[in-house]
Amino acid sequence: MILNGSRSDRRPSRREDEQLEKQYHDSTLPAGPDEPGIRDLLLICLKEHYGRFEDCAVNVDDA
């Protein structure tokens, strides 16, 4: 563990460990990323930037 730029080998106390476990179990974060949502957002950003997405992408099957 690094604190204030210096290395410390101090292990977390039992109380700190229990608090961390509670936060982990109470978390409403999903177990993994929303990949379809991220993909859709990326496509929206690319279309906004480039205009028509077809103008900036090459279909490998057509090449």
N, C-alpha and C. Protein backbone atom coordinates (compact mmCIF):
# COMPACT_ATOMS: atom_id res chain seq x y z
N MET A 1 0.84 -1.17 0.00
CA MET A 1 0.00 0.00 0.00
C MET A 1 0.90 1.24 0.00
N ILE A 2 0.51 2.24 -0.78
CA ILE A 2 1.30 3.47 -0.84
C ILE A 2 0.47 4.60 -0.27
N LEU A 3 1.02 5.28 0.72
CA LEU A 3 0.35 6.41 1.35
C LEU A 3 1.25 7.62 1.24
N ASN A 4 0.72 8.72 0.72
CA ASN A 4 1.48 9.97 0.61
C ASN A 4 2.83 9.78 -0.06
N GLY A 5 2.88 8.93 -1.08
CA GLY A 5 4.11 8.74 -1.84
C GLY A 5 5.12 7.82 -1.18
N SER A 6 4.81 7.27 -0.01
CA SER A 6 5.74 6.35 0.64
C SER A 6 5.08 4.99 0.79
N ARG A 7 5.89 3.96 0.78
CA ARG A 7 5.36 2.60 0.86
C ARG A 7 5.10 2.24 2.31
N SER A 8 3.97 1.61 2.54
CA SER A 8 3.62 1.14 3.88
C SER A 8 3.13 -0.29 3.77
N ASP A 9 3.65 -1.15 4.59
CA ASP A 9 3.23 -2.56 4.57
C ASP A 9 2.12 -2.83 5.57
N ARG A 10 1.51 -1.77 6.07
CA ARG A 10 0.42 -1.92 7.02
C ARG A 10 -0.77 -2.61 6.36
N ARG A 11 -1.28 -3.62 7.01
CA ARG A 11 -2.46 -4.31 6.50
C ARG A 11 -3.70 -3.61 7.03
N PRO A 12 -4.81 -3.65 6.28
CA PRO A 12 -6.03 -3.00 6.76
C PRO A 12 -6.51 -3.65 8.06
N SER A 13 -7.10 -2.84 8.92
CA SER A 13 -7.64 -3.38 10.17
C SER A 13 -8.88 -4.21 9.86
N ARG A 14 -9.29 -4.98 10.82
CA ARG A 14 -10.48 -5.81 10.65
C ARG A 14 -11.69 -4.92 10.35
N ARG A 15 -11.78 -3.78 11.06
CA ARG A 15 -12.89 -2.85 10.85
C ARG A 15 -12.88 -2.31 9.42
N GLU A 16 -11.69 -1.92 8.94
CA GLU A 16 -11.59 -1.41 7.56
C GLU A 16 -11.97 -2.50 6.55
N ASP A 17 -11.53 -3.71 6.83
CA ASP A 17 -11.85 -4.83 5.94
C ASP A 17 -13.36 -5.09 5.92
N GLU A 18 -13.99 -5.04 7.07
CA GLU A 18 -15.44 -5.24 7.15
C GLU A 18 -16.19 -4.12 6.43
N GLN A 19 -15.71 -2.88 6.56
CA GLN A 19 -16.35 -1.75 5.87
C GLN A 19 -16.24 -1.93 4.36
N LEU A 20 -15.08 -2.35 3.91
CA LEU A 20 -14.89 -2.56 2.48
C LEU A 20 -15.80 -3.67 1.96
N GLU A 21 -15.90 -4.76 2.70
CA GLU A 21 -16.78 -5.86 2.31
C GLU A 21 -18.23 -5.39 2.24
N LYS A 22 -18.66 -4.59 3.23
CA LYS A 22 -20.03 -4.08 3.24
C LYS A 22 -20.28 -3.18 2.02
N GLN A 23 -19.34 -2.30 1.72
CA GLN A 23 -19.49 -1.43 0.55
C GLN A 23 -19.57 -2.26 -0.73
N TYR A 24 -18.76 -3.29 -0.82
CA TYR A 24 -18.77 -4.16 -1.99
C TYR A 24 -20.12 -4.83 -2.16
N HIS A 25 -20.65 -5.39 -1.08
CA HIS A 25 -21.93 -6.11 -1.15
C HIS A 25 -23.12 -5.18 -1.33
N ASP A 26 -23.02 -3.95 -0.82
CA ASP A 26 -24.12 -2.98 -0.95
C ASP A 26 -24.08 -2.21 -2.26
N SER A 27 -23.02 -2.38 -3.01
CA SER A 27 -22.85 -1.63 -4.26
C SER A 27 -23.93 -1.99 -5.28
N THR A 28 -24.40 -0.97 -5.98
CA THR A 28 -25.38 -1.19 -7.04
C THR A 28 -24.72 -1.21 -8.42
N LEU A 29 -23.39 -1.16 -8.44
CA LEU A 29 -22.68 -1.22 -9.72
C LEU A 29 -22.87 -2.60 -10.34
N PRO A 30 -23.02 -2.67 -11.66
CA PRO A 30 -23.13 -3.98 -12.30
C PRO A 30 -21.80 -4.72 -12.22
N ALA A 31 -21.87 -6.03 -12.37
CA ALA A 31 -20.67 -6.87 -12.29
C ALA A 31 -19.72 -6.60 -13.46
N GLY A 32 -20.26 -6.14 -14.57
CA GLY A 32 -19.43 -5.87 -15.74
C GLY A 32 -19.98 -4.69 -16.52
N PRO A 33 -19.26 -4.27 -17.55
CA PRO A 33 -19.70 -3.11 -18.33
C PRO A 33 -20.90 -3.44 -19.22
N ASP A 34 -21.66 -2.43 -19.56
CA ASP A 34 -22.79 -2.57 -20.48
C ASP A 34 -22.23 -2.42 -21.90
N GLU A 35 -21.66 -3.51 -22.42
CA GLU A 35 -20.97 -3.43 -23.71
C GLU A 35 -21.87 -2.99 -24.86
N PRO A 36 -23.11 -3.49 -24.97
CA PRO A 36 -23.97 -2.99 -26.05
C PRO A 36 -24.24 -1.48 -25.91
N GLY A 37 -24.44 -1.01 -24.70
CA GLY A 37 -24.67 0.42 -24.47
C GLY A 37 -23.44 1.25 -24.83
N ILE A 38 -22.26 0.76 -24.47
CA ILE A 38 -21.02 1.46 -24.79
C ILE A 38 -20.82 1.49 -26.30
N ARG A 39 -21.10 0.37 -26.97
CA ARG A 39 -20.97 0.31 -28.43
C ARG A 39 -21.91 1.30 -29.10
N ASP A 40 -23.16 1.35 -28.64
CA ASP A 40 -24.13 2.28 -29.22
C ASP A 40 -23.69 3.73 -29.02
N LEU A 41 -23.19 4.06 -27.82
CA LEU A 41 -22.72 5.41 -27.55
C LEU A 41 -21.53 5.76 -28.44
N LEU A 42 -20.60 4.82 -28.62
CA LEU A 42 -19.45 5.05 -29.49
C LEU A 42 -19.90 5.30 -30.93
N LEU A 43 -20.85 4.51 -31.42
CA LEU A 43 -21.34 4.71 -32.78
C LEU A 43 -22.03 6.08 -32.93
N ILE A 44 -22.77 6.49 -31.91
CA ILE A 44 -23.41 7.81 -31.95
C ILE A 44 -22.35 8.90 -32.03
N CYS A 45 -21.28 8.77 -31.23
CA CYS A 45 -20.21 9.77 -31.23
C CYS A 45 -19.51 9.81 -32.58
N LEU A 46 -19.23 8.64 -33.15
CA LEU A 46 -18.56 8.59 -34.45
C LEU A 46 -19.44 9.20 -35.54
N LYS A 47 -20.73 8.90 -35.52
CA LYS A 47 -21.64 9.46 -36.52
C LYS A 47 -21.74 10.97 -36.36
N GLU A 48 -21.74 11.45 -35.11
CA GLU A 48 -21.80 12.89 -34.86
C GLU A 48 -20.54 13.58 -35.40
N HIS A 49 -19.40 12.95 -35.21
CA HIS A 49 -18.12 13.54 -35.62
C HIS A 49 -17.93 13.48 -37.14
N TYR A 50 -18.20 12.31 -37.73
CA TYR A 50 -17.93 12.12 -39.16
C TYR A 50 -19.12 12.38 -40.06
N GLY A 51 -20.29 12.56 -39.49
CA GLY A 51 -21.48 12.72 -40.32
C GLY A 51 -22.04 11.34 -40.63
N ARG A 52 -21.90 10.94 -41.86
CA ARG A 52 -22.36 9.60 -42.25
C ARG A 52 -21.28 8.60 -41.90
N PHE A 53 -21.65 7.58 -41.17
CA PHE A 53 -20.70 6.57 -40.75
C PHE A 53 -20.17 5.77 -41.94
N GLU A 54 -20.97 5.62 -42.96
CA GLU A 54 -20.56 4.86 -44.13
C GLU A 54 -19.37 5.52 -44.84
N ASP A 55 -19.21 6.84 -44.69
CA ASP A 55 -18.13 7.55 -45.36
C ASP A 55 -16.77 7.33 -44.71
N CYS A 56 -16.74 6.83 -43.48
CA CYS A 56 -15.45 6.67 -42.80
C CYS A 56 -15.10 5.23 -42.52
N ALA A 57 -15.97 4.29 -42.86
CA ALA A 57 -15.70 2.88 -42.59
C ALA A 57 -15.64 2.10 -43.90
N VAL A 58 -14.77 1.12 -43.92
CA VAL A 58 -14.65 0.24 -45.08
C VAL A 58 -15.14 -1.13 -44.66
N ASN A 59 -16.08 -1.66 -45.41
CA ASN A 59 -16.58 -3.00 -45.14
C ASN A 59 -15.56 -3.99 -45.67
N VAL A 60 -15.02 -4.83 -44.80
CA VAL A 60 -13.96 -5.77 -45.18
C VAL A 60 -14.46 -6.74 -46.25
N ASP A 61 -15.73 -7.11 -46.19
CA ASP A 61 -16.29 -8.04 -47.18
C ASP A 61 -16.32 -7.42 -48.57
N ASP A 62 -16.44 -6.09 -48.67
CA ASP A 62 -16.49 -5.41 -49.96
C ASP A 62 -15.11 -5.13 -50.52
N ALA A 63 -14.07 -5.22 -49.70
CA ALA A 63 -12.71 -4.87 -50.14
C ALA A 63 -12.08 -5.98 -50.95
